[in-house]
Amino acid sequence: MSEYSPNDMTNNTRPYVFVSYSHKDEREMKQLKLLFDTDGICYWYDKGLHSGDDWNSVIAKYLEGAAACVVLLSPNSAESEYVKNELSFAISRNIPLHILMLEDFEIPPDIDIMTCRIQRIKKEAGYERRLIDALSEDIGTVKSDPSFLQKIRKFIIRAKDNKDEDNFVVKIFKWLLKM
């Protein structure tokens, strides 16, 4: 799994994506987590926040350290002050933004003025590949080709079947999958 909570991020050296969303869009967040996990994309979202944490400080820390920010834009998130703050902070820090439109709706002017020059990705057939490819440019992943991933996974499975997991090439492929 590529998800990190604040405690897990202390030793993380891989580029990661910060996800900004409304808790009312939890179902869509779960779908995005599955997509990121499948593609080996590291990500952070507010799951790691706990009672007593200084939420603004923790969120600012992980947003500022992110290679990119994905905003799940919906009527719910467009009303969220947290999402608005995260969006504004990301823009002020020149953090690359990727707007995933969860549905068609009239974007409020305060959100529209911040995002009108950013190409939005509509959540429709094929959006997954477009989003992963766009993020790949920001996080430096080499794994945007699904057939490449499948070949590596098949190679590792064959190596396990042949009890050859200590093979140098297998170790390199395992390392690539974690990138």
Foldseek 3Di string as FASTA:
>chain_A
DQEDAVVRCPPDPAAAEEEAEAVVVVVVVVVVVVLCVVQLGHYYYDPNDDPPDPVVVVLLVVLLRHLAYEYADDPRLLPDPVSLVSLVSCVVSVRHYEYEDADDDDRDPSVCVSPVVPDYQYPDPPSSLVVVVVVCVRRVQPRSDVVVVVVLVVVLVVCVVVVNCVDPVNVVSVVSSND
